Amino acid sequence: MTTTGLKDNTPFFLRPAGLILLVALLTALKLFAAANAHFVEDEAYYRIWGLNPALSYYDHPPMIGWWITAGQALFGDTVFAVRALVVFSGVLGSLALWRTAGLLFDRRVAGWAVLFLNTSLLVGIGGILATPDAPSVLFWGLSLWALAELSHSKNANWWLVVGLMAGLGLLAKYSVLFLGAGIVLWLLWVPEARRWWGRWQLWAGGAIALLCFAPVLYWNHLHDWVSFYKQFGRAGSGGFTLKYIFEFLGALIGLMNPLIAVLAVPGAVILARRLRNRDKAASLLLLTVLPFLLYLLYHSLHARVQANWPAPLFPAFAMMAGVFAAGLPSGKWTWLPRTGVGLGLVVAIVVQLHAVWPLTGSLARKDPTFQLRGWPEIGNAVRAIAHREGAAFVATTSYGLNGQLDFLLKDDVPVVQLTERIRYIMTGDPDLSLFDGPGLYVAEKRRDKADNLEDSFRTVEPLAELTRTVRGVPLETLVVYKLDERSGTVFEPIAER
């Protein structure tokens, strides 16, 4: 491991001042987009978590909900409040990555790693979205930082920090469990690391991680382990197929930034050669990534891997690319990492501005940002219908639409999802008297479940179809029904597993 400082011929963009300038500019751009681009559906749903903090939730551990709660305490019930801590976590994550790569390799690798992470499509450009991936990426990265400090200083007390960061990561997403498996591999593989098995700090760090995770365990104990069944039940589901693996690899390369992904592969090969010699730095980086990467590959042979799932691995991939870029001889192939960073910066600027001011026309329905579009107009239209019909509530049957309407109608009409009530245990069910008067049912046309409501209300009458659009291009049709004369059970029973 080398820890040499930057040489005089190091380009400005790899020096601390250049990195600070770039991260600051990108953060300013993200803050602008975070404040002015509407929610995607999952963010609108997680906003409800923020308003109702709990020990855990049906879909995920609670960290993103707690972040949103903090943002709402500072900035009110706004779009920016939901995203505020996510944007600032990118700054902390970049600082941790710079320190980690500097300790494991050198400051030139660290500079490239920070550039690569911030110009990746998923982490760098998608870094405004308030989803559980944001705290998962941060705390996975902070765990690697603490491990790098441990490896560099040989101070066993860093295990306490490792345990804390990993435990906080487990409060973000269950996938951080794979990081623990990677740490065990590192402890077994590297002879110098094996001595930590005899130090109490290692075991205390594990206890700290478990203590951090205790609220999630307790919540699941109270609710028949429903969140564990939901998440871990997907592992290996479905028969063997090659249908999804190429989709997974393509999405991984694309969201990393194809030119940066091209650099990460030879960087991983370089580190793998050092792994054979049980090099501490190479082993730490590769072995902490390996269990989760193998799981994702396994899952892709049975079912679809969602594009965001590999996000916690991106800082490590950025370091791998940095190892290769830093080792390129001067003037030979150096255009490739620079072009990758330049491409990422251009795309970052265009995408963030596009999130606020849509550039697409006829291709809008194929635009990944389509979820952001047309919601204020839909909210105004539903509000007008609710006032006209004297509606006391708005009912939904999908969590994404429920989240959007709950935000858009927050000062006028209560919005209630009648199905999947397990998602809203933290809020409690509203009093059934709410449904005694007239109300509305709103659904995406493709998910219309109005027929299922005829056992609950004598009146289920179609009122309108609303089209969500961007620049005049239709994106999605929503249907609106009038509900009245409650006659039966309103809520769908809570699914226990």
Protein backbone atom coordinates (compact mmCIF):
# COMPACT_ATOMS: atom_id res chain seq x y z
CA MET A 1 0.00 0.00 0.00
CA THR A 2 1.28 3.44 -0.89
CA THR A 3 0.30 6.64 0.78
CA THR A 4 2.34 9.12 -1.19
CA GLY A 5 1.03 12.62 -1.66
CA LEU A 6 0.05 14.24 -4.92
CA LYS A 7 2.84 15.20 -7.26
CA ASP A 8 3.15 18.62 -8.85
CA ASN A 9 2.08 17.30 -12.25
CA THR A 10 -1.23 15.99 -10.93
CA PRO A 11 -4.10 17.56 -12.90
CA PHE A 12 -6.18 20.11 -11.02
CA PHE A 13 -9.33 18.00 -11.25
CA LEU A 14 -7.60 15.23 -9.21
CA ARG A 15 -6.39 17.59 -6.50
CA PRO A 16 -8.49 18.20 -3.38
CA ALA A 17 -9.41 21.72 -4.54
CA GLY A 18 -10.62 20.43 -7.90
CA LEU A 19 -12.59 17.62 -6.31
CA ILE A 20 -14.21 19.98 -3.81
CA LEU A 21 -15.20 22.33 -6.63
CA LEU A 22 -16.74 19.55 -8.71
CA VAL A 23 -18.65 17.97 -5.80
CA ALA A 24 -19.87 21.41 -4.70
CA LEU A 25 -21.15 22.26 -8.17
CA LEU A 26 -22.86 18.91 -8.58
CA THR A 27 -24.39 19.22 -5.11
CA ALA A 28 -25.75 22.67 -5.95
CA LEU A 29 -27.30 21.21 -9.10
CA LYS A 30 -28.82 18.34 -7.10
CA LEU A 31 -30.24 20.75 -4.52
CA PHE A 32 -31.91 22.69 -7.32
CA ALA A 33 -33.40 19.54 -8.85
CA ALA A 34 -34.37 18.15 -5.44
CA ALA A 35 -36.38 21.27 -4.67
CA ASN A 36 -38.06 21.64 -8.04
CA ALA A 37 -38.65 18.15 -9.50
CA HIS A 38 -41.76 16.33 -8.29
CA PHE A 39 -41.68 12.99 -6.47
CA VAL A 40 -41.40 9.59 -8.09
CA GLU A 41 -43.97 7.19 -6.65
CA ASP A 42 -41.69 5.47 -4.12
CA GLU A 43 -40.53 8.82 -2.71
CA ALA A 44 -44.14 9.91 -2.22
CA TYR A 45 -44.77 6.68 -0.33
CA TYR A 46 -41.67 7.11 1.85
CA ARG A 47 -42.82 10.65 2.65
CA ILE A 48 -45.62 9.01 4.66
CA TRP A 49 -42.95 7.10 6.59
CA GLY A 50 -41.31 10.38 7.46
CA LEU A 51 -44.57 11.75 8.82
CA ASN A 52 -45.05 8.59 10.89
CA PRO A 53 -41.63 7.49 12.24
CA ALA A 54 -41.56 3.89 13.44
CA LEU A 55 -39.09 1.20 14.49
CA SER A 56 -39.37 -0.39 11.04
CA TYR A 57 -41.74 -0.82 8.12
CA TYR A 58 -43.18 -3.54 5.91
CA ASP A 59 -40.98 -2.88 2.89
CA HIS A 60 -37.62 -1.95 4.41
CA PRO A 61 -35.83 -1.00 7.63
CA PRO A 62 -36.55 2.54 8.82
CA MET A 63 -33.49 4.66 8.01
CA ILE A 64 -34.87 6.48 4.95
CA GLY A 65 -38.03 7.25 6.94
CA TRP A 66 -35.94 8.69 9.76
CA TRP A 67 -33.94 10.81 7.30
CA ILE A 68 -37.17 12.16 5.86
CA THR A 69 -38.49 12.89 9.35
CA ALA A 70 -35.37 14.98 10.03
CA GLY A 71 -35.76 16.80 6.72
CA GLN A 72 -39.42 17.53 7.42
CA ALA A 73 -38.52 18.87 10.87
CA LEU A 74 -36.15 21.33 9.19
CA PHE A 75 -37.98 22.21 5.96
CA GLY A 76 -41.63 21.27 6.49
CA ASP A 77 -43.76 18.84 4.51
CA THR A 78 -42.17 19.62 1.14
CA VAL A 79 -40.52 17.77 -1.72
CA PHE A 80 -37.16 19.27 -0.77
CA ALA A 81 -37.52 18.14 2.85
CA VAL A 82 -37.93 14.53 1.73
CA ARG A 83 -34.71 14.68 -0.33
CA ALA A 84 -32.54 17.06 1.69
CA LEU A 85 -30.50 14.52 3.68
CA VAL A 86 -30.12 12.32 0.60
CA VAL A 87 -28.36 15.12 -1.29
CA PHE A 88 -26.08 16.00 1.62
CA SER A 89 -25.26 12.31 2.16
CA GLY A 90 -23.61 12.37 -1.27
CA VAL A 91 -21.11 14.93 0.01
CA LEU A 92 -20.27 12.85 3.09
CA GLY A 93 -20.04 9.72 0.95
CA SER A 94 -17.59 11.41 -1.43
CA LEU A 95 -15.40 12.51 1.47
CA ALA A 96 -15.42 8.99 2.95
CA LEU A 97 -14.56 7.50 -0.44
CA TRP A 98 -11.63 9.89 -0.90
CA ARG A 99 -10.24 8.99 2.51
CA THR A 100 -10.82 5.25 2.02
CA ALA A 101 -9.12 5.08 -1.38
CA GLY A 102 -6.27 7.24 -0.11
CA LEU A 103 -5.64 4.87 2.78
CA LEU A 104 -5.93 1.68 0.75
CA PHE A 105 -4.07 2.93 -2.34
CA ASP A 106 -2.98 6.55 -2.85
CA ARG A 107 -4.49 10.00 -3.38
CA ARG A 108 -4.43 9.72 -7.17
CA VAL A 109 -6.65 6.62 -6.99
CA ALA A 110 -8.78 8.51 -4.45
CA GLY A 111 -9.24 11.44 -6.83
CA TRP A 112 -10.32 9.23 -9.70
CA ALA A 113 -12.66 7.24 -7.43
CA VAL A 114 -14.48 10.38 -6.28
CA LEU A 115 -14.80 11.58 -9.89
CA PHE A 116 -16.09 8.23 -11.06
CA LEU A 117 -18.66 7.88 -8.28
CA ASN A 118 -20.02 11.37 -8.79
CA THR A 119 -20.34 10.88 -12.54
CA SER A 120 -21.98 7.46 -12.35
CA LEU A 121 -25.58 7.43 -13.48
CA LEU A 122 -27.14 5.63 -10.51
CA VAL A 123 -25.33 7.14 -7.51
CA GLY A 124 -24.00 10.41 -8.86
CA ILE A 125 -26.85 11.48 -11.10
CA GLY A 126 -29.72 9.73 -9.33
CA GLY A 127 -28.51 11.11 -6.03
CA ILE A 128 -31.60 13.21 -5.33
CA LEU A 129 -34.07 10.34 -4.95
CA ALA A 130 -35.18 9.57 -1.39
CA THR A 131 -35.11 5.77 -1.38
CA PRO A 132 -33.48 3.28 1.00
CA ASP A 133 -30.56 2.99 -1.42
CA ALA A 134 -29.20 6.39 -0.37
CA PRO A 135 -28.50 5.55 3.30
CA SER A 136 -27.48 2.03 2.26
CA VAL A 137 -24.78 3.41 -0.07
CA LEU A 138 -23.61 5.90 2.57
CA PHE A 139 -23.26 3.47 5.46
CA TRP A 140 -21.75 0.70 3.33
CA GLY A 141 -19.17 3.27 2.23
CA LEU A 142 -18.59 4.46 5.79
CA SER A 143 -18.09 0.84 6.89
CA LEU A 144 -15.38 0.47 4.23
CA TRP A 145 -13.81 3.72 5.45
CA ALA A 146 -13.67 2.43 9.04
CA LEU A 147 -12.15 -0.85 7.81
CA ALA A 148 -9.53 1.09 5.86
CA GLU A 149 -8.69 3.10 8.99
CA LEU A 150 -8.41 -0.16 10.91
CA SER A 151 -6.13 -1.72 8.31
CA HIS A 152 -3.94 1.37 8.12
CA SER A 153 -3.65 2.20 11.82
CA LYS A 154 -3.88 -1.32 13.27
CA ASN A 155 -5.91 0.24 16.09
CA ALA A 156 -8.49 -2.34 17.19
CA ASN A 157 -10.87 0.35 18.40
CA TRP A 158 -11.86 0.98 14.78
CA TRP A 159 -13.88 -2.24 15.00
CA LEU A 160 -16.33 -0.32 17.17
CA VAL A 161 -16.81 2.21 14.36
CA VAL A 162 -17.11 -0.59 11.79
CA GLY A 163 -19.89 -2.15 13.88
CA LEU A 164 -21.70 1.16 14.25
CA MET A 165 -21.56 1.98 10.52
CA ALA A 166 -22.59 -1.53 9.48
CA GLY A 167 -25.41 -1.50 12.02
CA LEU A 168 -26.69 1.81 10.69
CA GLY A 169 -26.45 0.30 7.21
CA LEU A 170 -28.68 -2.57 8.35
CA LEU A 171 -31.21 0.06 9.38
CA ALA A 172 -31.22 1.15 5.72
CA LYS A 173 -31.44 -2.12 3.76
CA TYR A 174 -31.08 -5.79 4.55
CA SER A 175 -28.51 -6.14 1.75
CA VAL A 176 -25.85 -4.78 4.14
CA LEU A 177 -25.86 -8.28 5.68
CA PHE A 178 -23.72 -9.29 2.69
CA LEU A 179 -21.09 -6.76 3.79
CA GLY A 180 -20.78 -8.67 7.06
CA ALA A 181 -20.16 -11.85 5.10
CA GLY A 182 -17.46 -10.05 3.11
CA ILE A 183 -15.74 -8.85 6.29
CA VAL A 184 -15.62 -12.42 7.57
CA LEU A 185 -14.04 -13.53 4.26
CA TRP A 186 -11.39 -10.82 4.64
CA LEU A 187 -10.65 -11.87 8.20
CA LEU A 188 -10.20 -15.46 7.08
CA TRP A 189 -8.22 -14.76 3.90
CA VAL A 190 -5.60 -12.23 5.00
CA PRO A 191 -3.10 -13.72 7.49
CA GLU A 192 -2.42 -10.35 9.12
CA ALA A 193 -6.16 -9.79 9.64
CA ARG A 194 -6.71 -13.08 11.43
CA ARG A 195 -5.25 -11.69 14.62
CA TRP A 196 -8.39 -9.58 15.05
CA TRP A 197 -10.37 -12.69 15.97
CA GLY A 198 -8.74 -12.57 19.37
CA ARG A 199 -9.51 -8.92 20.10
CA TRP A 200 -12.59 -7.99 22.10
CA GLN A 201 -13.21 -4.94 19.93
CA LEU A 202 -14.15 -7.16 16.97
CA TRP A 203 -16.84 -8.89 18.97
CA ALA A 204 -17.99 -5.64 20.55
CA GLY A 205 -18.32 -4.17 17.06
CA GLY A 206 -20.55 -7.09 16.09
CA ALA A 207 -22.63 -6.51 19.21
CA ILE A 208 -23.00 -2.80 18.31
CA ALA A 209 -24.20 -3.75 14.82
CA LEU A 210 -26.75 -6.15 16.31
CA LEU A 211 -27.88 -3.53 18.82
CA CYS A 212 -28.42 -1.03 16.01
CA PHE A 213 -30.48 -3.63 14.15
CA ALA A 214 -32.54 -4.50 17.24
CA PRO A 215 -35.46 -2.12 16.44
CA VAL A 216 -36.00 -3.93 13.13
CA LEU A 217 -35.87 -7.33 14.81
CA TYR A 218 -38.32 -6.20 17.48
CA TRP A 219 -40.75 -4.72 14.92
CA ASN A 220 -40.66 -7.90 12.85
CA HIS A 221 -41.19 -9.99 15.99
CA LEU A 222 -44.36 -7.99 16.69
CA HIS A 223 -45.59 -8.42 13.10
CA ASP A 224 -44.91 -12.10 12.39
CA TRP A 225 -41.60 -11.35 10.61
CA VAL A 226 -43.56 -10.03 7.65
CA SER A 227 -40.77 -7.79 6.33
CA PHE A 228 -38.27 -10.65 6.38
CA TYR A 229 -40.70 -12.90 4.50
CA LYS A 230 -41.23 -10.18 1.91
CA GLN A 231 -37.55 -9.45 1.26
CA PHE A 232 -35.81 -12.77 1.86
CA GLY A 233 -38.61 -14.74 0.23
CA ARG A 234 -37.45 -13.42 -3.13
CA ALA A 235 -34.04 -15.10 -2.90
CA GLY A 236 -33.82 -17.81 -5.55
CA SER A 237 -37.53 -17.56 -6.37
CA GLY A 238 -38.45 -18.96 -9.75
CA GLY A 239 -36.73 -21.61 -11.83
CA PHE A 240 -33.37 -21.35 -13.55
CA THR A 241 -33.35 -18.98 -16.54
CA LEU A 242 -30.90 -16.91 -18.56
CA LYS A 243 -33.62 -14.37 -19.26
CA TYR A 244 -32.50 -11.80 -16.70
CA ILE A 245 -28.72 -12.10 -16.33
CA PHE A 246 -27.88 -10.08 -19.43
CA GLU A 247 -30.46 -7.48 -18.43
CA PHE A 248 -28.76 -7.25 -15.02
CA LEU A 249 -25.27 -6.92 -16.45
CA GLY A 250 -26.43 -4.37 -19.03
CA ALA A 251 -28.16 -2.27 -16.38
CA LEU A 252 -25.11 -2.51 -14.11
CA ILE A 253 -22.78 -1.27 -16.84
CA GLY A 254 -25.18 1.42 -17.99
CA LEU A 255 -25.92 2.82 -14.55
CA MET A 256 -22.25 2.77 -13.58
CA ASN A 257 -21.49 4.81 -16.74
CA PRO A 258 -20.29 2.51 -19.54
CA LEU A 259 -16.89 4.18 -19.92
CA ILE A 260 -16.25 3.94 -16.17
CA ALA A 261 -17.43 0.32 -16.10
CA VAL A 262 -14.89 -0.44 -18.82
CA LEU A 263 -12.19 0.81 -16.44
CA ALA A 264 -13.53 -1.04 -13.40
CA VAL A 265 -13.09 -4.45 -15.02
CA PRO A 266 -9.29 -4.24 -15.61
CA GLY A 267 -9.00 -2.54 -12.21
CA ALA A 268 -10.68 -5.57 -10.63
CA VAL A 269 -8.29 -7.85 -12.54
CA ILE A 270 -5.29 -5.93 -11.18
CA LEU A 271 -6.64 -6.27 -7.65
CA ALA A 272 -7.44 -9.97 -8.17
CA ARG A 273 -3.78 -10.58 -8.99
CA ARG A 274 -2.83 -8.94 -5.71
CA LEU A 275 -5.51 -11.00 -3.97
CA ARG A 276 -3.50 -14.13 -4.69
CA ASN A 277 -0.72 -12.62 -2.58
CA ARG A 278 -3.29 -11.86 0.14
CA ASP A 279 -2.68 -8.13 -0.19
CA LYS A 280 -4.65 -6.37 2.55
CA ALA A 281 -6.06 -3.52 0.47
CA ALA A 282 -6.97 -5.58 -2.59
CA SER A 283 -8.47 -8.31 -0.41
CA LEU A 284 -10.51 -5.83 1.62
CA LEU A 285 -12.00 -4.19 -1.46
CA LEU A 286 -12.74 -7.36 -3.44
CA LEU A 287 -13.89 -9.65 -0.64
CA THR A 288 -16.35 -7.15 0.87
CA VAL A 289 -17.96 -6.86 -2.57
CA LEU A 290 -17.91 -10.54 -3.50
CA PRO A 291 -20.82 -12.01 -1.44
CA PHE A 292 -23.38 -9.44 -2.55
CA LEU A 293 -22.22 -9.53 -6.17
CA LEU A 294 -22.46 -13.34 -6.21
CA TYR A 295 -25.95 -13.14 -4.72
CA LEU A 296 -27.07 -10.66 -7.39
CA LEU A 297 -25.69 -12.92 -10.13
CA TYR A 298 -27.48 -15.90 -8.56
CA HIS A 299 -30.72 -13.97 -8.27
CA SER A 300 -30.48 -12.87 -11.91
CA LEU A 301 -30.47 -16.54 -12.93
CA HIS A 302 -33.90 -16.94 -11.31
CA ALA A 303 -35.65 -13.56 -11.40
CA ARG A 304 -35.20 -9.92 -12.32
CA VAL A 305 -32.65 -7.86 -10.39
CA GLN A 306 -33.94 -4.34 -9.92
CA ALA A 307 -31.56 -1.73 -11.31
CA ASN A 308 -31.03 -0.03 -7.95
CA TRP A 309 -30.07 -3.15 -5.98
CA PRO A 310 -26.29 -3.04 -6.73
CA ALA A 311 -26.04 0.62 -5.65
CA PRO A 312 -24.03 -0.07 -2.41
CA LEU A 313 -21.28 -1.63 -4.53
CA PHE A 314 -20.73 1.45 -6.68
CA PRO A 315 -18.17 3.15 -4.39
CA ALA A 316 -16.08 -0.03 -4.52
CA PHE A 317 -16.47 -0.21 -8.30
CA ALA A 318 -15.35 3.44 -8.49
CA MET A 319 -12.19 2.52 -6.55
CA MET A 320 -11.53 -0.39 -8.90
CA ALA A 321 -11.80 1.94 -11.89
CA GLY A 322 -9.58 4.42 -10.03
CA VAL A 323 -6.87 1.79 -9.55
CA PHE A 324 -6.71 1.23 -13.31
CA ALA A 325 -6.96 4.91 -14.28
CA ALA A 326 -4.24 5.94 -11.82
CA GLY A 327 -1.90 3.32 -13.21
CA LEU A 328 -2.19 4.34 -16.87
CA PRO A 329 1.09 5.61 -18.30
CA SER A 330 1.07 9.35 -18.99
CA GLY A 331 -0.39 10.07 -22.41
CA LYS A 332 -1.48 6.47 -23.08
CA TRP A 333 -5.20 5.80 -22.91
CA THR A 334 -5.59 8.64 -20.42
CA TRP A 335 -8.32 10.03 -22.66
CA LEU A 336 -10.61 7.15 -21.62
CA PRO A 337 -11.09 8.01 -17.91
CA ARG A 338 -11.26 11.72 -18.74
CA THR A 339 -13.90 11.06 -21.39
CA GLY A 340 -15.86 8.91 -18.94
CA VAL A 341 -15.88 11.69 -16.38
CA GLY A 342 -16.74 14.29 -19.02
CA LEU A 343 -19.60 12.16 -20.35
CA GLY A 344 -20.91 11.67 -16.83
CA LEU A 345 -20.79 15.39 -16.10
CA VAL A 346 -22.68 16.26 -19.27
CA VAL A 347 -25.30 13.63 -18.57
CA ALA A 348 -25.56 14.77 -14.92
CA ILE A 349 -26.26 18.35 -15.93
CA VAL A 350 -28.73 17.38 -18.64
CA VAL A 351 -30.60 14.85 -16.47
CA GLN A 352 -30.94 17.14 -13.45
CA LEU A 353 -32.18 20.01 -15.60
CA HIS A 354 -34.42 17.61 -17.52
CA ALA A 355 -35.97 16.48 -14.22
CA VAL A 356 -37.16 20.04 -13.69
CA TRP A 357 -37.71 21.20 -17.28
CA PRO A 358 -38.61 18.18 -19.46
CA LEU A 359 -36.82 18.10 -22.78
CA THR A 360 -38.66 15.13 -24.27
CA GLY A 361 -41.65 15.30 -26.56
CA SER A 362 -42.98 12.28 -28.43
CA LEU A 363 -40.60 9.93 -26.55
CA ALA A 364 -41.93 10.97 -23.13
CA ARG A 365 -43.48 7.58 -22.40
CA LYS A 366 -40.06 5.93 -22.76
CA ASP A 367 -38.34 8.55 -20.60
CA PRO A 368 -37.18 7.11 -17.23
CA THR A 369 -38.24 10.39 -15.57
CA PHE A 370 -41.89 9.99 -16.62
CA GLN A 371 -42.89 9.23 -13.00
CA LEU A 372 -42.08 12.85 -12.12
CA ARG A 373 -44.45 14.38 -14.63
CA GLY A 374 -47.94 15.79 -14.56
CA TRP A 375 -48.79 15.19 -10.92
CA PRO A 376 -49.70 18.74 -9.79
CA GLU A 377 -52.28 18.92 -12.58
CA ILE A 378 -53.72 15.55 -11.53
CA GLY A 379 -53.88 16.72 -7.94
CA ASN A 380 -55.76 19.89 -8.92
CA ALA A 381 -58.24 17.88 -11.02
CA VAL A 382 -58.94 15.35 -8.23
CA ARG A 383 -59.32 18.17 -5.72
CA ALA A 384 -61.87 19.89 -7.95
CA ILE A 385 -63.88 16.69 -8.35
CA ALA A 386 -63.73 16.00 -4.60
CA HIS A 387 -65.07 19.49 -3.81
CA ARG A 388 -67.78 19.19 -6.44
CA GLU A 389 -68.97 15.82 -5.12
CA GLY A 390 -68.60 16.74 -1.46
CA ALA A 391 -66.15 13.84 -1.02
CA ALA A 392 -64.99 13.17 2.55
CA PHE A 393 -62.14 10.87 1.45
CA VAL A 394 -60.18 9.62 -1.53
CA ALA A 395 -59.58 5.87 -1.70
CA THR A 396 -56.78 4.15 -3.61
CA THR A 397 -55.53 0.59 -4.10
CA SER A 398 -51.82 1.11 -4.95
CA TYR A 399 -49.14 2.52 -2.68
CA GLY A 400 -47.44 4.70 -5.30
CA LEU A 401 -50.60 6.52 -6.34
CA ASN A 402 -51.68 6.71 -2.69
CA GLY A 403 -48.42 8.46 -1.84
CA GLN A 404 -48.74 10.96 -4.69
CA LEU A 405 -52.34 11.88 -3.88
CA ASP A 406 -51.69 12.00 -0.14
CA PHE A 407 -49.09 14.71 -0.77
CA LEU A 408 -51.10 16.60 -3.41
CA LEU A 409 -54.31 16.63 -1.34
CA LYS A 410 -52.71 16.92 2.11
CA ASP A 411 -54.52 20.14 3.03
CA ASP A 412 -57.94 19.15 1.65
CA VAL A 413 -59.07 15.52 1.66
CA PRO A 414 -57.69 12.46 3.51
CA VAL A 415 -56.31 9.80 1.16
CA VAL A 416 -56.53 6.14 2.22
CA GLN A 417 -55.22 3.00 0.54
CA LEU A 418 -57.85 0.32 1.13
CA THR A 419 -55.53 -2.58 0.29
CA GLU A 420 -52.18 -3.70 1.77
CA ARG A 421 -52.90 -2.09 5.13
CA ILE A 422 -49.72 -3.72 6.46
CA ARG A 423 -47.91 -0.81 4.79
CA TYR A 424 -49.65 1.67 7.10
CA ILE A 425 -49.55 -0.01 10.50
CA MET A 426 -47.64 3.01 11.82
CA THR A 427 -50.57 5.33 10.95
CA GLY A 428 -53.42 3.14 12.15
CA ASP A 429 -56.70 2.71 10.31
CA PRO A 430 -58.99 5.73 10.11
CA ASP A 431 -62.34 5.53 11.86
CA LEU A 432 -64.91 3.76 9.68
CA SER A 433 -67.24 6.73 10.07
CA LEU A 434 -65.01 8.52 7.55
CA PHE A 435 -66.48 6.26 4.86
CA ASP A 436 -70.12 6.83 5.78
CA GLY A 437 -70.40 9.82 3.45
CA PRO A 438 -69.53 10.18 -0.23
CA GLY A 439 -65.97 9.71 -1.39
CA LEU A 440 -63.83 9.07 -4.45
CA TYR A 441 -61.89 6.09 -5.70
CA VAL A 442 -58.90 6.91 -7.92
CA ALA A 443 -56.79 4.32 -9.73
CA GLU A 444 -54.47 3.93 -12.68
CA LYS A 445 -56.64 2.59 -15.47
CA ARG A 446 -54.39 -0.45 -15.84
CA ARG A 447 -54.88 -1.22 -12.13
CA ASP A 448 -58.56 -0.39 -11.80
CA LYS A 449 -60.14 -2.44 -8.97
CA ALA A 450 -63.50 -0.70 -8.86
CA ASP A 451 -65.33 -4.02 -9.25
CA ASN A 452 -63.86 -5.17 -5.94
CA LEU A 453 -65.44 -2.20 -4.14
CA GLU A 454 -69.02 -3.11 -5.02
CA ASP A 455 -69.24 -5.29 -1.90
CA SER A 456 -68.20 -2.32 0.25
CA PHE A 457 -70.23 0.52 -1.29
CA ARG A 458 -73.66 0.45 -2.91
CA THR A 459 -72.64 3.32 -5.18
CA VAL A 460 -69.56 2.82 -7.33
CA GLU A 461 -70.13 5.27 -10.16
CA PRO A 462 -67.56 6.33 -12.80
CA LEU A 463 -67.05 10.08 -12.85
CA ALA A 464 -64.02 10.93 -14.97
CA GLU A 465 -60.84 9.85 -16.70
CA LEU A 466 -57.79 12.01 -16.10
CA THR A 467 -54.68 11.90 -18.28
CA ARG A 468 -51.28 12.61 -16.83
CA THR A 469 -49.24 14.40 -19.48
CA VAL A 470 -45.90 16.07 -20.15
CA ARG A 471 -45.74 18.77 -22.81
CA GLY A 472 -49.04 17.51 -24.22
CA VAL A 473 -47.88 13.90 -24.50
CA PRO A 474 -50.12 11.42 -22.59
CA LEU A 475 -48.28 9.31 -20.02
CA GLU A 476 -50.99 7.51 -18.08
CA THR A 477 -54.76 7.50 -17.64
CA LEU A 478 -56.35 7.57 -14.20
CA VAL A 479 -60.00 6.74 -13.51
CA VAL A 480 -62.13 8.44 -10.86
CA TYR A 481 -65.25 6.87 -9.30
CA LYS A 482 -67.78 8.16 -6.82
CA LEU A 483 -68.23 5.96 -3.74
CA ASP A 484 -71.25 6.22 -1.43
CA GLU A 485 -73.52 4.24 0.91
CA ARG A 486 -71.02 2.04 2.68
CA SER A 487 -72.46 -1.47 2.92
CA GLY A 488 -69.63 -3.78 3.97
CA THR A 489 -66.00 -4.20 4.92
CA VAL A 490 -63.86 -1.34 3.64
CA PHE A 491 -60.32 -2.53 4.29
CA GLU A 492 -58.71 -5.57 2.76
CA PRO A 493 -57.41 -7.86 5.55
CA ILE A 494 -53.75 -7.45 6.42
CA ALA A 495 -51.61 -10.11 4.80
CA GLU A 496 -49.54 -11.73 7.53
CA ARG A 497 -46.92 -13.14 5.16
